[in-house]
Amino acid sequence: MEISVDVTPHGIPVIGPLIMLAVMIAVVAEVVVRGTGSRLEFIAPVGFLIICAGIMAALLWLAISGCLVAAAGLGVSKYLRWRR
């Protein structure tokens, strides 16, 4: 069964955004279940949204900036947990 046969209007396989959506859901669920209660922990899912927007718009600089935002969010989340 090929899921990636269907593509978006830009020619991007559908499986990529679906995997990114699953990763975003997992990160948000982890923040809600094991988080410290700080709103700064939601920076990582915002970074993943920026990555998806960069992929869909075919803008490399936007995808890279999303990676930086997601990495910063994951780092802040880990720091807040270790500090607790």
C-alpha atoms as a PDB file:
ATOM      1  CA  MET A   1       0.000   0.000   0.000  1.00  0.00           C
ATOM      2  CA  GLU A   2       1.502   3.306  -1.088  1.00  0.00           C
ATOM      3  CA  ILE A   3       0.438   6.325   0.925  1.00  0.00           C
ATOM      4  CA  SER A   4       2.874   8.651  -0.817  1.00  0.00           C
ATOM      5  CA  VAL A   5       1.169   8.284  -4.200  1.00  0.00           C
ATOM      6  CA  ASP A   6      -1.106  11.222  -3.391  1.00  0.00           C
ATOM      7  CA  VAL A   7       0.680  14.548  -3.530  1.00  0.00           C
ATOM      8  CA  THR A   8      -0.131  18.110  -2.578  1.00  0.00           C
ATOM      9  CA  PRO A   9      -0.543  20.797  -5.266  1.00  0.00           C
ATOM     10  CA  HIS A  10       3.190  21.548  -4.943  1.00  0.00           C
ATOM     11  CA  GLY A  11       4.053  17.911  -5.656  1.00  0.00           C
ATOM     12  CA  ILE A  12       5.016  17.028  -2.077  1.00  0.00           C
ATOM     13  CA  PRO A  13       4.050  13.514  -0.938  1.00  0.00           C
ATOM     14  CA  VAL A  14       1.282  13.486   1.659  1.00  0.00           C
ATOM     15  CA  ILE A  15       3.135  11.115   3.986  1.00  0.00           C
ATOM     16  CA  GLY A  16       5.682  13.790   4.983  1.00  0.00           C
ATOM     17  CA  PRO A  17       3.170  16.253   6.450  1.00  0.00           C
ATOM     18  CA  LEU A  18       1.323  13.349   8.098  1.00  0.00           C
ATOM     19  CA  ILE A  19       4.509  12.236   9.848  1.00  0.00           C
ATOM     20  CA  MET A  20       5.233  15.831  10.903  1.00  0.00           C
ATOM     21  CA  LEU A  21       1.677  16.096  12.265  1.00  0.00           C
ATOM     22  CA  ALA A  22       2.203  12.897  14.266  1.00  0.00           C
ATOM     23  CA  VAL A  23       5.465  14.291  15.682  1.00  0.00           C
ATOM     24  CA  MET A  24       3.737  17.562  16.639  1.00  0.00           C
ATOM     25  CA  ILE A  25       0.933  15.653  18.370  1.00  0.00           C
ATOM     26  CA  ALA A  26       3.481  13.550  20.266  1.00  0.00           C
ATOM     27  CA  VAL A  27       5.442  16.627  21.403  1.00  0.00           C
ATOM     28  CA  VAL A  28       2.282  18.448  22.538  1.00  0.00           C
ATOM     29  CA  ALA A  29       1.039  15.324  24.354  1.00  0.00           C
ATOM     30  CA  GLU A  30       4.380  14.964  26.104  1.00  0.00           C
ATOM     31  CA  VAL A  31       4.314  18.618  27.190  1.00  0.00           C
ATOM     32  CA  VAL A  32       0.777  18.243  28.529  1.00  0.00           C
ATOM     33  CA  VAL A  33       1.441  14.968  30.363  1.00  0.00           C
ATOM     34  CA  ARG A  34       4.978  15.494  31.693  1.00  0.00           C
ATOM     35  CA  GLY A  35       5.418  19.236  31.393  1.00  0.00           C
ATOM     36  CA  THR A  36       6.294  21.772  34.051  1.00  0.00           C
ATOM     37  CA  GLY A  37       3.317  23.992  33.330  1.00  0.00           C
ATOM     38  CA  SER A  38       5.362  26.679  31.596  1.00  0.00           C
ATOM     39  CA  ARG A  39       4.055  28.085  28.346  1.00  0.00           C
ATOM     40  CA  LEU A  40       7.608  28.171  27.014  1.00  0.00           C
ATOM     41  CA  GLU A  41       7.381  24.426  26.445  1.00  0.00           C
ATOM     42  CA  PHE A  42       4.994  24.978  23.547  1.00  0.00           C
ATOM     43  CA  ILE A  43       7.778  26.620  21.493  1.00  0.00           C
ATOM     44  CA  ALA A  44       8.799  23.249  20.014  1.00  0.00           C
ATOM     45  CA  PRO A  45       5.417  22.499  18.370  1.00  0.00           C
ATOM     46  CA  VAL A  46       5.418  26.023  16.928  1.00  0.00           C
ATOM     47  CA  GLY A  47       8.813  25.240  15.408  1.00  0.00           C
ATOM     48  CA  PHE A  48       7.394  22.096  13.823  1.00  0.00           C
ATOM     49  CA  LEU A  49       4.549  24.161  12.346  1.00  0.00           C
ATOM     50  CA  ILE A  50       7.109  26.548  10.850  1.00  0.00           C
ATOM     51  CA  ILE A  51       9.000  23.568   9.401  1.00  0.00           C
ATOM     52  CA  CYS A  52       5.793  22.297   7.784  1.00  0.00           C
ATOM     53  CA  ALA A  53       5.064  25.744   6.368  1.00  0.00           C
ATOM     54  CA  GLY A  54       8.587  25.942   4.949  1.00  0.00           C
ATOM     55  CA  ILE A  55       8.245  22.527   3.340  1.00  0.00           C
ATOM     56  CA  MET A  56       4.854  23.308   1.838  1.00  0.00           C
ATOM     57  CA  ALA A  57       6.026  26.696   0.519  1.00  0.00           C
ATOM     58  CA  ALA A  58       9.332  25.184  -0.709  1.00  0.00           C
ATOM     59  CA  LEU A  59      11.317  27.813   1.213  1.00  0.00           C
ATOM     60  CA  LEU A  60      14.516  26.384   2.654  1.00  0.00           C
ATOM     61  CA  TRP A  61      15.206  29.365   4.910  1.00  0.00           C
ATOM     62  CA  LEU A  62      11.776  29.001   6.532  1.00  0.00           C
ATOM     63  CA  ALA A  63      12.289  25.286   7.166  1.00  0.00           C
ATOM     64  CA  ILE A  64      15.734  25.933   8.677  1.00  0.00           C
ATOM     65  CA  SER A  65      14.383  28.692  10.921  1.00  0.00           C
ATOM     66  CA  GLY A  66      11.645  26.283  12.025  1.00  0.00           C
ATOM     67  CA  CYS A  67      14.342  23.752  12.919  1.00  0.00           C
ATOM     68  CA  LEU A  68      16.091  26.364  15.041  1.00  0.00           C
ATOM     69  CA  VAL A  69      12.846  27.318  16.807  1.00  0.00           C
ATOM     70  CA  ALA A  70      11.978  23.655  17.448  1.00  0.00           C
ATOM     71  CA  ALA A  71      15.479  22.948  18.782  1.00  0.00           C
ATOM     72  CA  ALA A  72      15.283  25.970  21.086  1.00  0.00           C
ATOM     73  CA  GLY A  73      11.867  24.835  22.302  1.00  0.00           C
ATOM     74  CA  LEU A  74      13.079  21.319  23.015  1.00  0.00           C
ATOM     75  CA  GLY A  75      16.100  22.728  24.850  1.00  0.00           C
ATOM     76  CA  VAL A  76      13.968  25.054  26.987  1.00  0.00           C
ATOM     77  CA  SER A  77      11.612  22.181  27.770  1.00  0.00           C
ATOM     78  CA  LYS A  78      14.474  19.945  28.876  1.00  0.00           C
ATOM     79  CA  TYR A  79      16.035  22.749  30.938  1.00  0.00           C
ATOM     80  CA  LEU A  80      12.752  23.452  32.726  1.00  0.00           C
ATOM     81  CA  ARG A  81      12.309  19.772  33.563  1.00  0.00           C
ATOM     82  CA  TRP A  82      15.838  19.424  34.917  1.00  0.00           C
ATOM     83  CA  ARG A  83      15.420  22.582  36.958  1.00  0.00           C
ATOM     84  CA  ARG A  84      12.271  21.225  38.568  1.00  0.00           C
END
